[in-house]
N, C-alpha and C. Protein backbone atom coordinates (compact mmCIF):
# COMPACT_ATOMS: atom_id res chain seq x y z
N MET A 1 156.45 140.09 160.14
CA MET A 1 156.46 139.02 159.13
C MET A 1 157.78 139.01 158.36
N ILE A 2 158.25 140.20 157.98
CA ILE A 2 159.52 140.28 157.24
C ILE A 2 160.66 139.78 158.10
N ARG A 3 160.65 140.18 159.42
CA ARG A 3 161.72 139.73 160.32
C ARG A 3 161.71 138.21 160.44
N SER A 4 160.53 137.61 160.49
CA SER A 4 160.43 136.15 160.58
C SER A 4 160.99 135.48 159.34
N ALA A 5 160.77 136.09 158.17
CA ALA A 5 161.29 135.53 156.92
C ALA A 5 162.81 135.54 156.92
N TYR A 6 163.41 136.65 157.44
CA TYR A 6 164.87 136.73 157.50
C TYR A 6 165.44 135.64 158.41
N ILE A 7 164.80 135.43 159.55
CA ILE A 7 165.26 134.40 160.49
C ILE A 7 165.17 133.02 159.87
N ALA A 8 164.06 132.74 159.18
CA ALA A 8 163.88 131.44 158.54
C ALA A 8 164.94 131.21 157.48
N ALA A 9 165.23 132.26 156.68
CA ALA A 9 166.26 132.13 155.63
C ALA A 9 167.62 131.87 156.24
N ALA A 10 167.94 132.55 157.35
CA ALA A 10 169.23 132.35 158.00
C ALA A 10 169.38 130.93 158.51
N LEU A 11 168.29 130.41 159.07
CA LEU A 11 168.32 129.03 159.58
C LEU A 11 168.56 128.04 158.45
N VAL A 12 167.91 128.25 157.30
CA VAL A 12 168.09 127.36 156.15
C VAL A 12 169.52 127.41 155.65
N LEU A 13 170.08 128.62 155.53
CA LEU A 13 171.46 128.77 155.07
C LEU A 13 172.42 128.12 156.05
N GLY A 14 172.15 128.26 157.34
CA GLY A 14 173.02 127.67 158.35
C GLY A 14 173.04 126.17 158.29
N GLN A 15 171.93 125.57 157.85
CA GLN A 15 171.86 124.12 157.70
C GLN A 15 172.52 123.64 156.42
N VAL A 16 172.40 124.41 155.34
CA VAL A 16 172.92 124.01 154.04
C VAL A 16 174.43 124.17 153.97
N ALA A 17 174.99 125.24 154.54
CA ALA A 17 176.42 125.52 154.41
C ALA A 17 177.29 124.39 154.94
N PRO A 18 177.04 123.84 156.15
CA PRO A 18 177.88 122.74 156.62
C PRO A 18 177.80 121.52 155.72
N LEU A 19 176.59 121.23 155.18
CA LEU A 19 176.45 120.09 154.29
C LEU A 19 177.28 120.29 153.03
N ALA A 20 177.28 121.51 152.50
CA ALA A 20 178.07 121.78 151.29
C ALA A 20 179.55 121.61 151.58
N ALA A 21 179.98 122.05 152.79
CA ALA A 21 181.39 121.92 153.14
C ALA A 21 181.80 120.46 153.25
N GLN A 22 180.89 119.62 153.76
CA GLN A 22 181.18 118.20 153.89
C GLN A 22 181.33 117.52 152.53
N ASP A 23 180.60 118.04 151.54
CA ASP A 23 180.64 117.44 150.21
C ASP A 23 181.86 117.86 149.40
N THR A 24 182.62 118.85 149.87
CA THR A 24 183.79 119.32 149.14
C THR A 24 184.89 118.26 149.18
N PRO A 25 185.37 117.79 148.03
CA PRO A 25 186.41 116.75 148.05
C PRO A 25 187.71 117.26 148.64
N ARG A 26 188.40 116.38 149.36
CA ARG A 26 189.68 116.75 149.95
C ARG A 26 190.73 116.92 148.85
N ALA A 27 191.63 117.88 149.07
CA ALA A 27 192.71 118.09 148.11
C ALA A 27 193.64 116.87 148.12
N TYR A 28 194.16 116.53 146.96
CA TYR A 28 195.06 115.37 146.85
C TYR A 28 196.37 115.67 147.56
N ASP A 29 196.74 114.84 148.51
CA ASP A 29 197.95 115.03 149.31
C ASP A 29 199.07 114.18 148.70
N PHE A 30 199.83 114.77 147.77
CA PHE A 30 200.86 113.99 147.09
C PHE A 30 202.00 113.61 148.03
N GLN A 31 202.21 114.39 149.08
CA GLN A 31 203.29 114.07 150.00
C GLN A 31 202.98 112.78 150.78
N GLU A 32 201.76 112.71 151.32
CA GLU A 32 201.39 111.50 152.06
C GLU A 32 201.34 110.29 151.12
N ARG A 33 200.86 110.49 149.90
CA ARG A 33 200.77 109.37 148.95
C ARG A 33 202.17 108.93 148.50
N THR A 34 203.12 109.86 148.43
CA THR A 34 204.50 109.48 148.12
C THR A 34 205.06 108.59 149.21
N ARG A 35 204.83 108.99 150.46
CA ARG A 35 205.30 108.16 151.57
C ARG A 35 204.66 106.78 151.54
N ALA A 36 203.37 106.72 151.18
CA ALA A 36 202.64 105.45 151.20
C ALA A 36 203.01 104.54 150.02
N LEU A 37 203.23 105.12 148.85
CA LEU A 37 203.46 104.31 147.65
C LEU A 37 204.93 103.97 147.43
N ALA A 38 205.83 104.90 147.75
CA ALA A 38 207.25 104.68 147.44
C ALA A 38 208.09 104.33 148.65
N PHE A 39 207.65 104.71 149.86
CA PHE A 39 208.50 104.54 151.04
C PHE A 39 207.87 103.63 152.10
N ASP A 40 207.02 102.73 151.66
CA ASP A 40 206.44 101.74 152.57
C ASP A 40 207.18 100.42 152.39
N PRO A 41 208.00 99.99 153.39
CA PRO A 41 208.79 98.77 153.23
C PRO A 41 207.96 97.52 152.93
N ALA A 42 206.67 97.54 153.28
CA ALA A 42 205.82 96.39 153.02
C ALA A 42 205.61 96.16 151.52
N ARG A 43 205.95 97.14 150.68
CA ARG A 43 205.78 97.00 149.24
C ARG A 43 207.05 96.51 148.55
N PHE A 44 208.15 96.36 149.29
CA PHE A 44 209.45 96.09 148.66
C PHE A 44 209.61 94.63 148.23
N PHE A 45 208.92 93.74 148.92
CA PHE A 45 208.95 92.31 148.56
C PHE A 45 207.49 91.86 148.41
N PRO A 46 206.93 91.96 147.21
CA PRO A 46 205.51 91.65 147.03
C PRO A 46 205.14 90.23 147.44
N GLU A 47 206.13 89.29 147.40
CA GLU A 47 205.83 87.91 147.75
C GLU A 47 205.54 87.73 149.24
N ARG A 48 205.87 88.77 150.05
CA ARG A 48 205.56 88.72 151.48
C ARG A 48 205.39 90.13 151.98
N SER A 49 204.23 90.41 152.61
CA SER A 49 203.92 91.78 152.99
C SER A 49 204.64 92.23 154.25
N GLU A 50 205.10 91.30 155.08
CA GLU A 50 205.73 91.66 156.35
C GLU A 50 207.20 91.30 156.31
N PRO A 51 208.08 92.26 156.04
CA PRO A 51 209.51 91.93 155.96
C PRO A 51 210.07 91.57 157.33
N ALA A 52 211.24 90.86 157.32
CA ALA A 52 211.89 90.51 158.57
C ALA A 52 212.37 91.76 159.30
N MET A 53 212.74 92.79 158.55
CA MET A 53 213.16 94.07 159.12
C MET A 53 212.65 95.19 158.22
N ALA A 54 212.19 96.26 158.83
CA ALA A 54 211.72 97.42 158.07
C ALA A 54 212.22 98.69 158.75
N VAL A 55 212.74 99.60 157.94
CA VAL A 55 213.25 100.88 158.44
C VAL A 55 212.71 101.99 157.54
N ARG A 56 212.22 103.06 158.14
CA ARG A 56 211.80 104.22 157.34
C ARG A 56 212.26 105.49 158.04
N TYR A 57 212.99 106.31 157.30
CA TYR A 57 213.59 107.54 157.84
C TYR A 57 212.88 108.74 157.23
N LEU A 58 212.29 109.57 158.08
CA LEU A 58 211.59 110.78 157.65
C LEU A 58 212.23 111.98 158.31
N GLY A 59 212.46 113.04 157.55
CA GLY A 59 213.15 114.21 158.07
C GLY A 59 212.20 115.30 158.54
N ASP A 60 212.48 115.86 159.71
CA ASP A 60 211.79 117.02 160.25
C ASP A 60 210.32 116.70 160.55
N ASP A 61 209.60 117.71 161.07
CA ASP A 61 208.19 117.53 161.40
C ASP A 61 207.34 117.33 160.15
N TYR A 62 207.86 117.69 159.01
CA TYR A 62 207.10 117.60 157.77
C TYR A 62 207.17 116.21 157.13
N GLY A 63 207.94 115.31 157.70
CA GLY A 63 207.99 113.95 157.18
C GLY A 63 208.62 113.84 155.81
N PHE A 64 209.70 114.60 155.56
CA PHE A 64 210.37 114.50 154.27
C PHE A 64 210.97 113.09 154.13
N PRO A 65 210.60 112.33 153.11
CA PRO A 65 211.08 110.96 152.98
C PRO A 65 212.54 110.90 152.55
N VAL A 66 213.37 110.32 153.38
CA VAL A 66 214.80 110.20 153.09
C VAL A 66 215.10 108.82 152.50
N TYR A 67 214.79 107.76 153.25
CA TYR A 67 214.97 106.41 152.71
C TYR A 67 214.05 105.44 153.44
N ALA A 68 213.87 104.28 152.85
CA ALA A 68 213.17 103.17 153.49
C ALA A 68 213.86 101.88 153.08
N ILE A 69 213.95 100.95 154.01
CA ILE A 69 214.64 99.68 153.78
C ILE A 69 213.75 98.53 154.24
N ALA A 70 213.74 97.46 153.48
CA ALA A 70 213.11 96.21 153.90
C ALA A 70 214.11 95.08 153.74
N VAL A 71 214.12 94.15 154.69
CA VAL A 71 214.99 92.98 154.64
C VAL A 71 214.11 91.74 154.62
N ARG A 72 214.41 90.86 153.70
CA ARG A 72 213.67 89.59 153.59
C ARG A 72 214.62 88.43 153.82
N ARG A 73 214.17 87.50 154.63
CA ARG A 73 214.93 86.27 154.85
C ARG A 73 214.42 85.20 153.88
N GLY A 74 215.36 84.55 153.18
CA GLY A 74 214.96 83.46 152.30
C GLY A 74 214.80 83.86 150.85
N CYS A 75 214.00 83.12 150.13
CA CYS A 75 213.88 83.25 148.68
C CYS A 75 212.97 84.42 148.29
N THR A 76 213.18 84.89 147.08
CA THR A 76 212.32 85.90 146.49
C THR A 76 211.70 85.33 145.22
N ASP A 77 210.79 86.08 144.62
CA ASP A 77 210.15 85.60 143.38
C ASP A 77 211.14 85.44 142.25
N ALA A 78 212.29 86.11 142.34
CA ALA A 78 213.29 86.03 141.27
C ALA A 78 214.09 84.73 141.32
N ASP A 79 214.02 84.00 142.43
CA ASP A 79 214.78 82.75 142.58
C ASP A 79 214.02 81.61 141.93
N LEU A 80 214.58 81.10 140.82
CA LEU A 80 213.95 80.02 140.06
C LEU A 80 214.94 78.88 139.86
N GLY A 81 214.42 77.69 139.59
CA GLY A 81 215.29 76.55 139.28
C GLY A 81 216.23 76.21 140.42
N GLU A 82 217.52 76.08 140.08
CA GLU A 82 218.53 75.70 141.06
C GLU A 82 218.64 76.72 142.19
N ALA A 83 218.46 78.00 141.85
CA ALA A 83 218.55 79.05 142.87
C ALA A 83 217.51 78.85 143.97
N ARG A 84 216.40 78.21 143.63
CA ARG A 84 215.34 78.00 144.61
C ARG A 84 215.77 77.05 145.71
N ARG A 85 216.75 76.18 145.42
CA ARG A 85 217.20 75.19 146.40
C ARG A 85 218.22 75.75 147.39
N THR A 86 218.83 76.85 147.05
CA THR A 86 219.94 77.36 147.88
C THR A 86 219.67 78.73 148.49
N CYS A 87 218.48 79.27 148.33
CA CYS A 87 218.21 80.64 148.75
C CYS A 87 217.56 80.73 150.12
N GLY A 88 217.32 79.63 150.77
CA GLY A 88 216.56 79.65 152.02
C GLY A 88 217.20 80.44 153.14
N ASP A 89 218.54 80.50 153.18
CA ASP A 89 219.23 81.18 154.28
C ASP A 89 219.67 82.60 153.93
N ARG A 90 219.29 83.09 152.77
CA ARG A 90 219.76 84.41 152.36
C ARG A 90 219.07 85.52 153.13
N LEU A 91 219.74 86.66 153.21
CA LEU A 91 219.16 87.89 153.74
C LEU A 91 219.33 88.96 152.67
N ILE A 92 218.21 89.38 152.09
CA ILE A 92 218.24 90.37 151.02
C ILE A 92 217.64 91.68 151.52
N ALA A 93 218.34 92.78 151.29
CA ALA A 93 217.84 94.10 151.65
C ALA A 93 217.53 94.89 150.39
N ARG A 94 216.45 95.63 150.42
CA ARG A 94 216.11 96.56 149.34
C ARG A 94 215.85 97.93 149.93
N MET A 95 216.24 98.95 149.19
CA MET A 95 216.11 100.32 149.69
C MET A 95 215.62 101.26 148.59
N VAL A 96 214.71 102.15 148.97
CA VAL A 96 214.36 103.34 148.18
C VAL A 96 214.96 104.54 148.89
N ARG A 97 215.63 105.41 148.14
CA ARG A 97 216.21 106.61 148.72
C ARG A 97 215.96 107.79 147.80
N SER A 98 215.60 108.91 148.40
CA SER A 98 215.39 110.13 147.61
C SER A 98 216.71 110.58 147.02
N PRO A 99 216.70 111.07 145.78
CA PRO A 99 217.95 111.42 145.08
C PRO A 99 218.55 112.72 145.59
N TYR A 100 219.86 112.78 145.48
CA TYR A 100 220.58 114.02 145.83
C TYR A 100 221.98 113.92 145.25
N GLU A 101 222.41 114.94 144.52
CA GLU A 101 223.77 114.94 143.98
C GLU A 101 224.75 115.35 145.07
N GLY A 102 225.76 114.53 145.29
CA GLY A 102 226.72 114.81 146.34
C GLY A 102 226.17 114.43 147.70
N LYS A 103 226.75 114.97 148.75
CA LYS A 103 226.34 114.68 150.11
C LYS A 103 225.45 115.80 150.63
N PRO A 104 224.24 115.48 151.06
CA PRO A 104 223.34 116.54 151.54
C PRO A 104 223.83 117.11 152.86
N PRO A 105 223.56 118.39 153.14
CA PRO A 105 223.97 118.99 154.41
C PRO A 105 223.29 118.33 155.60
N ARG A 106 222.06 117.92 155.41
CA ARG A 106 221.33 117.12 156.38
C ARG A 106 220.52 116.09 155.62
N ALA A 107 220.27 114.95 156.24
CA ALA A 107 219.57 113.87 155.54
C ALA A 107 218.23 114.31 154.98
N ARG A 108 217.52 115.16 155.71
CA ARG A 108 216.19 115.59 155.29
C ARG A 108 216.19 116.33 153.96
N ALA A 109 217.34 116.87 153.55
CA ALA A 109 217.42 117.61 152.29
C ALA A 109 217.05 116.73 151.11
N ARG A 110 217.27 115.43 151.23
CA ARG A 110 216.87 114.52 150.15
C ARG A 110 215.35 114.59 149.94
N GLY A 111 214.60 114.43 151.02
CA GLY A 111 213.15 114.46 150.90
C GLY A 111 212.62 115.82 150.51
N GLN A 112 213.25 116.89 151.00
CA GLN A 112 212.84 118.24 150.62
C GLN A 112 212.96 118.43 149.12
N ARG A 113 214.08 117.97 148.58
CA ARG A 113 214.31 118.13 147.14
C ARG A 113 213.32 117.29 146.33
N LEU A 114 213.02 116.08 146.82
CA LEU A 114 212.06 115.24 146.12
C LEU A 114 210.69 115.90 146.07
N PHE A 115 210.20 116.40 147.20
CA PHE A 115 208.89 117.05 147.22
C PHE A 115 208.89 118.31 146.36
N ALA A 116 209.98 119.07 146.38
CA ALA A 116 210.05 120.27 145.56
C ALA A 116 209.98 119.92 144.08
N MET A 117 210.62 118.82 143.70
CA MET A 117 210.61 118.38 142.31
C MET A 117 209.19 117.99 141.87
N ILE A 118 208.50 117.23 142.72
CA ILE A 118 207.14 116.79 142.38
C ILE A 118 206.19 117.99 142.36
N ALA A 119 206.42 118.96 143.25
CA ALA A 119 205.51 120.11 143.37
C ALA A 119 205.56 121.04 142.17
N LYS A 120 206.56 120.90 141.30
CA LYS A 120 206.62 121.75 140.11
C LYS A 120 205.41 121.52 139.22
N SER A 121 204.91 120.28 139.17
CA SER A 121 203.66 119.96 138.48
C SER A 121 202.85 119.09 139.42
N PRO A 122 202.18 119.69 140.40
CA PRO A 122 201.55 118.92 141.47
C PRO A 122 200.54 117.90 140.93
N PRO A 123 200.72 116.63 141.21
CA PRO A 123 199.77 115.61 140.74
C PRO A 123 198.47 115.69 141.53
N GLN A 124 197.39 115.33 140.88
CA GLN A 124 196.08 115.35 141.51
C GLN A 124 195.46 113.96 141.61
N SER A 125 196.28 112.94 141.34
CA SER A 125 195.79 111.56 141.42
C SER A 125 196.98 110.63 141.59
N ASP A 126 196.71 109.40 142.00
CA ASP A 126 197.79 108.42 142.12
C ASP A 126 198.45 108.15 140.77
N ASP A 127 197.66 108.08 139.72
CA ASP A 127 198.24 107.82 138.39
C ASP A 127 199.24 108.90 138.01
N ALA A 128 198.87 110.15 138.25
CA ALA A 128 199.79 111.24 137.92
C ALA A 128 201.02 111.20 138.82
N LEU A 129 200.84 110.85 140.09
CA LEU A 129 201.97 110.77 141.00
C LEU A 129 202.93 109.65 140.58
N LEU A 130 202.40 108.52 140.16
CA LEU A 130 203.26 107.42 139.72
C LEU A 130 204.15 107.85 138.57
N ARG A 131 203.59 108.62 137.66
CA ARG A 131 204.40 109.11 136.53
C ARG A 131 205.50 110.05 137.03
N SER A 132 205.17 110.87 138.02
CA SER A 132 206.19 111.77 138.58
C SER A 132 207.28 110.98 139.28
N LEU A 133 206.90 109.94 140.02
CA LEU A 133 207.89 109.13 140.72
C LEU A 133 208.79 108.38 139.74
N ASP A 134 208.22 107.95 138.61
CA ASP A 134 209.03 107.27 137.59
C ASP A 134 210.16 108.18 137.10
N LYS A 135 209.91 109.48 137.07
CA LYS A 135 210.88 110.43 136.51
C LYS A 135 211.72 111.13 137.58
N ALA A 136 211.50 110.80 138.85
CA ALA A 136 212.11 111.56 139.94
C ALA A 136 213.55 111.16 140.23
N GLY A 137 214.03 110.05 139.66
CA GLY A 137 215.39 109.61 139.91
C GLY A 137 215.60 108.95 141.26
N LEU A 138 214.54 108.40 141.84
CA LEU A 138 214.66 107.69 143.11
C LEU A 138 215.64 106.53 142.98
N GLU A 139 216.47 106.35 143.99
CA GLU A 139 217.39 105.22 144.01
C GLU A 139 216.62 103.97 144.46
N TRP A 140 216.74 102.90 143.70
CA TRP A 140 216.09 101.62 144.03
C TRP A 140 217.20 100.57 144.02
N LEU A 141 217.58 100.13 145.22
CA LEU A 141 218.82 99.37 145.39
C LEU A 141 218.57 98.06 146.12
N GLU A 142 219.55 97.16 146.00
CA GLU A 142 219.44 95.83 146.62
C GLU A 142 220.82 95.38 147.09
N ALA A 143 220.85 94.61 148.18
CA ALA A 143 222.11 94.09 148.70
C ALA A 143 221.90 92.71 149.30
N ASP A 144 222.88 91.83 149.10
CA ASP A 144 222.92 90.52 149.74
C ASP A 144 223.67 90.70 151.06
N ILE A 145 222.95 90.73 152.16
CA ILE A 145 223.55 91.10 153.45
C ILE A 145 224.65 90.12 153.85
N ARG A 146 224.46 88.84 153.59
CA ARG A 146 225.45 87.84 154.02
C ARG A 146 226.78 88.01 153.26
N LYS A 147 226.76 88.73 152.16
CA LYS A 147 227.99 89.00 151.43
C LYS A 147 228.52 90.40 151.73
N CYS A 148 228.00 91.01 152.78
CA CYS A 148 228.39 92.36 153.16
C CYS A 148 228.94 92.31 154.59
N PRO A 149 230.24 92.15 154.76
CA PRO A 149 230.82 91.93 156.10
C PRO A 149 230.50 93.02 157.11
N ILE A 150 230.49 94.28 156.69
CA ILE A 150 230.22 95.37 157.63
C ILE A 150 228.79 95.26 158.16
N ALA A 151 227.85 94.94 157.27
CA ALA A 151 226.46 94.80 157.70
C ALA A 151 226.29 93.59 158.61
N MET A 152 226.96 92.50 158.30
CA MET A 152 226.86 91.31 159.15
C MET A 152 227.43 91.59 160.53
N ALA A 153 228.52 92.34 160.60
CA ALA A 153 229.10 92.70 161.89
C ALA A 153 228.13 93.56 162.70
N HIS A 154 227.43 94.45 162.01
CA HIS A 154 226.47 95.30 162.72
C HIS A 154 225.29 94.46 163.20
N LEU A 155 224.82 93.51 162.38
CA LEU A 155 223.71 92.66 162.80
C LEU A 155 224.06 91.88 164.06
N ALA A 156 225.34 91.56 164.22
CA ALA A 156 225.77 90.81 165.40
C ALA A 156 225.55 91.58 166.70
N THR A 157 225.38 92.89 166.60
CA THR A 157 225.11 93.72 167.78
C THR A 157 223.62 93.92 167.99
N GLY A 158 222.80 93.17 167.28
CA GLY A 158 221.35 93.39 167.29
C GLY A 158 220.67 93.09 168.61
N GLN A 159 221.37 92.45 169.55
CA GLN A 159 220.79 92.20 170.86
C GLN A 159 220.90 93.40 171.78
N ASP A 160 221.67 94.42 171.36
CA ASP A 160 221.95 95.55 172.25
C ASP A 160 220.79 96.53 172.41
N PRO A 161 220.02 96.87 171.33
CA PRO A 161 219.01 97.92 171.47
C PRO A 161 217.93 97.56 172.49
N ARG A 162 217.49 98.55 173.26
CA ARG A 162 216.39 98.39 174.20
C ARG A 162 215.16 99.05 173.59
N PHE A 163 214.12 98.27 173.37
CA PHE A 163 212.93 98.78 172.70
C PHE A 163 211.95 99.46 173.65
N SER A 164 212.07 99.21 174.94
CA SER A 164 211.16 99.84 175.88
C SER A 164 211.82 99.90 177.25
N SER A 165 211.27 100.74 178.09
CA SER A 165 211.77 100.86 179.46
C SER A 165 210.59 101.17 180.36
N VAL A 166 210.79 101.08 181.66
CA VAL A 166 209.71 101.38 182.59
C VAL A 166 209.40 102.87 182.53
N LEU A 167 208.21 103.22 183.00
CA LEU A 167 207.83 104.63 183.01
C LEU A 167 208.80 105.44 183.87
N ASN A 168 209.03 106.66 183.44
CA ASN A 168 209.97 107.53 184.17
C ASN A 168 209.45 107.82 185.58
N GLN A 169 210.20 107.40 186.59
CA GLN A 169 209.82 107.61 187.98
C GLN A 169 210.59 108.75 188.64
N THR A 170 211.46 109.41 187.89
CA THR A 170 212.35 110.41 188.48
C THR A 170 211.73 111.80 188.54
N ARG A 171 210.62 111.99 187.85
CA ARG A 171 209.95 113.29 187.78
C ARG A 171 210.80 114.35 187.08
N GLN A 172 211.81 113.91 186.36
CA GLN A 172 212.61 114.85 185.60
C GLN A 172 211.86 115.25 184.34
N MET A 173 212.11 116.46 183.87
CA MET A 173 211.49 116.91 182.64
C MET A 173 211.99 116.08 181.48
N PRO A 174 211.09 115.70 180.55
CA PRO A 174 211.55 114.94 179.39
C PRO A 174 212.48 115.76 178.51
N GLU A 175 213.32 115.07 177.77
CA GLU A 175 214.25 115.76 176.87
C GLU A 175 213.47 116.46 175.77
N ILE A 176 213.81 117.73 175.51
CA ILE A 176 213.12 118.52 174.49
C ILE A 176 213.90 118.46 173.19
N VAL A 177 213.22 118.06 172.12
CA VAL A 177 213.86 117.93 170.82
C VAL A 177 213.00 118.68 169.80
N LEU A 178 213.59 119.60 169.06
CA LEU A 178 212.86 120.41 168.10
C LEU A 178 213.21 119.99 166.67
N HIS A 179 212.19 119.84 165.86
CA HIS A 179 212.35 119.53 164.44
C HIS A 179 213.28 118.32 164.22
N ALA A 180 213.05 117.30 164.99
CA ALA A 180 213.92 116.12 164.91
C ALA A 180 213.55 115.25 163.72
N ASP A 181 214.57 114.64 163.11
CA ASP A 181 214.32 113.59 162.14
C ASP A 181 213.73 112.40 162.89
N LYS A 182 212.84 111.67 162.21
CA LYS A 182 212.16 110.55 162.86
C LYS A 182 212.42 109.26 162.09
N ILE A 183 212.44 108.17 162.83
CA ILE A 183 212.71 106.88 162.21
C ILE A 183 211.78 105.84 162.80
N SER A 184 211.29 104.96 161.95
CA SER A 184 210.54 103.79 162.43
C SER A 184 211.36 102.56 162.09
N PHE A 185 211.39 101.63 163.03
CA PHE A 185 212.20 100.42 162.90
C PHE A 185 211.41 99.26 163.47
N GLU A 186 211.22 98.24 162.64
CA GLU A 186 210.49 97.06 163.08
C GLU A 186 211.27 95.81 162.68
N ILE A 187 211.36 94.87 163.60
CA ILE A 187 212.09 93.64 163.33
C ILE A 187 211.32 92.48 163.93
N GLY A 188 211.35 91.34 163.26
CA GLY A 188 210.54 90.23 163.75
C GLY A 188 211.15 88.87 163.49
N GLU A 189 210.79 87.95 164.35
CA GLU A 189 211.07 86.53 164.19
C GLU A 189 209.74 85.80 164.31
N TYR A 190 209.78 84.50 164.39
CA TYR A 190 208.56 83.71 164.48
C TYR A 190 207.76 84.09 165.73
N LEU A 191 206.52 84.54 165.53
CA LEU A 191 205.59 84.91 166.59
C LEU A 191 206.10 86.05 167.48
N MET A 192 206.96 86.92 166.95
CA MET A 192 207.47 88.01 167.75
C MET A 192 207.82 89.19 166.85
N ARG A 193 207.37 90.40 167.23
CA ARG A 193 207.71 91.62 166.52
C ARG A 193 208.09 92.69 167.53
N SER A 194 209.12 93.46 167.24
CA SER A 194 209.52 94.59 168.08
C SER A 194 209.53 95.83 167.20
N ARG A 195 209.09 96.95 167.77
CA ARG A 195 208.97 98.18 166.96
C ARG A 195 209.41 99.39 167.77
N TYR A 196 210.13 100.27 167.09
CA TYR A 196 210.50 101.58 167.64
C TYR A 196 210.06 102.64 166.64
N GLU A 197 209.47 103.71 167.14
CA GLU A 197 209.12 104.85 166.29
C GLU A 197 209.34 106.11 167.10
N GLY A 198 210.20 106.97 166.61
CA GLY A 198 210.49 108.19 167.35
C GLY A 198 211.65 108.93 166.74
N TRP A 199 212.22 109.84 167.54
CA TRP A 199 213.32 110.63 167.01
C TRP A 199 214.60 109.81 167.04
N LEU A 200 215.59 110.33 166.34
CA LEU A 200 216.85 109.60 166.17
C LEU A 200 217.71 109.77 167.42
N LYS A 201 217.22 109.26 168.51
CA LYS A 201 217.90 109.42 169.80
C LYS A 201 219.13 108.52 169.87
N PRO A 202 220.29 109.07 170.25
CA PRO A 202 221.50 108.24 170.37
C PRO A 202 221.26 107.07 171.33
N GLY A 203 221.70 105.89 170.91
CA GLY A 203 221.54 104.70 171.74
C GLY A 203 220.20 104.01 171.60
N SER A 204 219.28 104.59 170.85
CA SER A 204 217.95 104.00 170.68
C SER A 204 217.97 102.95 169.58
N PRO A 205 216.94 102.09 169.50
CA PRO A 205 216.83 101.16 168.38
C PRO A 205 216.80 101.88 167.03
N GLY A 206 216.23 103.10 167.00
CA GLY A 206 216.21 103.86 165.75
C GLY A 206 217.60 104.24 165.29
N ALA A 207 218.45 104.63 166.23
CA ALA A 207 219.84 104.95 165.88
C ALA A 207 220.57 103.70 165.41
N TRP A 208 220.29 102.57 166.06
CA TRP A 208 220.90 101.30 165.62
C TRP A 208 220.49 100.99 164.18
N ALA A 209 219.22 101.19 163.86
CA ALA A 209 218.73 100.91 162.52
C ALA A 209 219.36 101.83 161.48
N ASN A 210 219.55 103.10 161.85
CA ASN A 210 220.18 104.04 160.92
C ASN A 210 221.65 103.66 160.69
N ASP A 211 222.31 103.17 161.72
CA ASP A 211 223.69 102.68 161.56
C ASP A 211 223.72 101.43 160.68
N PHE A 212 222.69 100.61 160.79
CA PHE A 212 222.61 99.43 159.92
C PHE A 212 222.50 99.86 158.46
N ALA A 213 221.69 100.87 158.19
CA ALA A 213 221.58 101.39 156.83
C ALA A 213 222.94 101.86 156.33
N ALA A 214 223.69 102.55 157.19
CA ALA A 214 225.02 103.04 156.80
C ALA A 214 225.97 101.87 156.54
N SER A 215 225.82 100.77 157.28
CA SER A 215 226.72 99.62 157.10
C SER A 215 226.53 98.94 155.74
N LEU A 216 225.42 99.19 155.09
CA LEU A 216 225.14 98.59 153.78
C LEU A 216 225.62 99.46 152.62
N GLU A 217 226.10 100.64 152.91
CA GLU A 217 226.35 101.64 151.86
C GLU A 217 227.25 101.12 150.74
N SER A 218 228.30 100.39 151.06
CA SER A 218 229.22 99.92 150.02
C SER A 218 228.74 98.66 149.32
N CYS A 219 227.61 98.12 149.73
CA CYS A 219 227.14 96.85 149.19
C CYS A 219 225.90 96.97 148.31
N TRP A 220 225.35 98.17 148.20
CA TRP A 220 224.15 98.35 147.38
C TRP A 220 224.47 98.20 145.90
N LYS A 221 223.53 97.59 145.19
CA LYS A 221 223.57 97.51 143.72
C LYS A 221 222.18 97.84 143.21
N PRO A 222 222.08 98.33 141.97
CA PRO A 222 220.74 98.61 141.43
C PRO A 222 219.87 97.36 141.46
N SER A 223 218.66 97.49 141.93
CA SER A 223 217.74 96.36 141.98
C SER A 223 217.01 96.20 140.66
N THR A 224 216.83 94.95 140.25
CA THR A 224 216.06 94.66 139.04
C THR A 224 214.61 94.35 139.36
N ALA A 225 214.26 94.35 140.65
CA ALA A 225 212.87 94.09 141.05
C ALA A 225 211.98 95.28 140.67
N LEU A 226 210.69 95.02 140.60
CA LEU A 226 209.73 96.08 140.28
C LEU A 226 209.77 97.15 141.36
N VAL A 227 209.83 98.42 140.95
CA VAL A 227 209.86 99.51 141.93
C VAL A 227 208.60 99.47 142.78
N PRO A 228 208.70 99.80 144.07
CA PRO A 228 207.55 99.60 144.97
C PRO A 228 206.32 100.41 144.62
N TRP A 229 206.50 101.61 144.05
CA TRP A 229 205.31 102.40 143.73
C TRP A 229 204.53 101.84 142.54
N ARG A 230 205.12 100.86 141.85
CA ARG A 230 204.41 100.20 140.75
C ARG A 230 203.90 98.81 141.15
N VAL A 231 204.13 98.44 142.41
CA VAL A 231 203.66 97.14 142.89
C VAL A 231 202.16 97.20 143.14
N VAL A 232 201.45 96.20 142.70
CA VAL A 232 200.04 96.05 143.01
C VAL A 232 199.93 95.13 144.21
N LYS A 233 199.45 95.69 145.33
CA LYS A 233 199.40 94.90 146.56
C LYS A 233 198.46 93.72 146.39
N ARG A 234 198.91 92.57 146.89
CA ARG A 234 198.09 91.36 146.79
C ARG A 234 197.10 91.28 147.94
């Protein structure tokens, strides 16, 4: 009888323990929420959720956020009155970039430093994270691409990148890349979108997009638009 009681108790505990584990709330992932709230190009132009071009650069396997860029064709919410009549052909770029004094040894160092800064007082909610991002010194920049000759020259090469290829028929081993920085790049026209997501492979659309970001470097100015992590998605 005693042995039966022990077995019954063990069965009950075995049933209760998994249920208790399921009820345990997940820890707040401030790193993923930082990427979602501050480095999502879809938040950069609230008047339109799908930008004409979107680039997001993440460093290493840990996804350290380096920068994100969105490009919008045409008018923005800031264009009023007479400006509304002449803004249809504009190309406006906006960028969020993790702060770093001087030139980082590798691009990923920007995101590493940002996460280290936030981790000093780890936020446990989006509200707390927003306050941390407000104080983090993130660069929030804007550029008129048509007034940036280097960027316009780079855009002229936009037909060169190959977004896909046939499956490898050579039976050669794939190229091995360790701890690579990763980039996502999406560009679209009417009824057409092309996307690349992967490592920063030379000659790839991702490398082209990173070169485009570099072509804008001398043309950035502080943006007066609402920072993306404070945008309320429509």
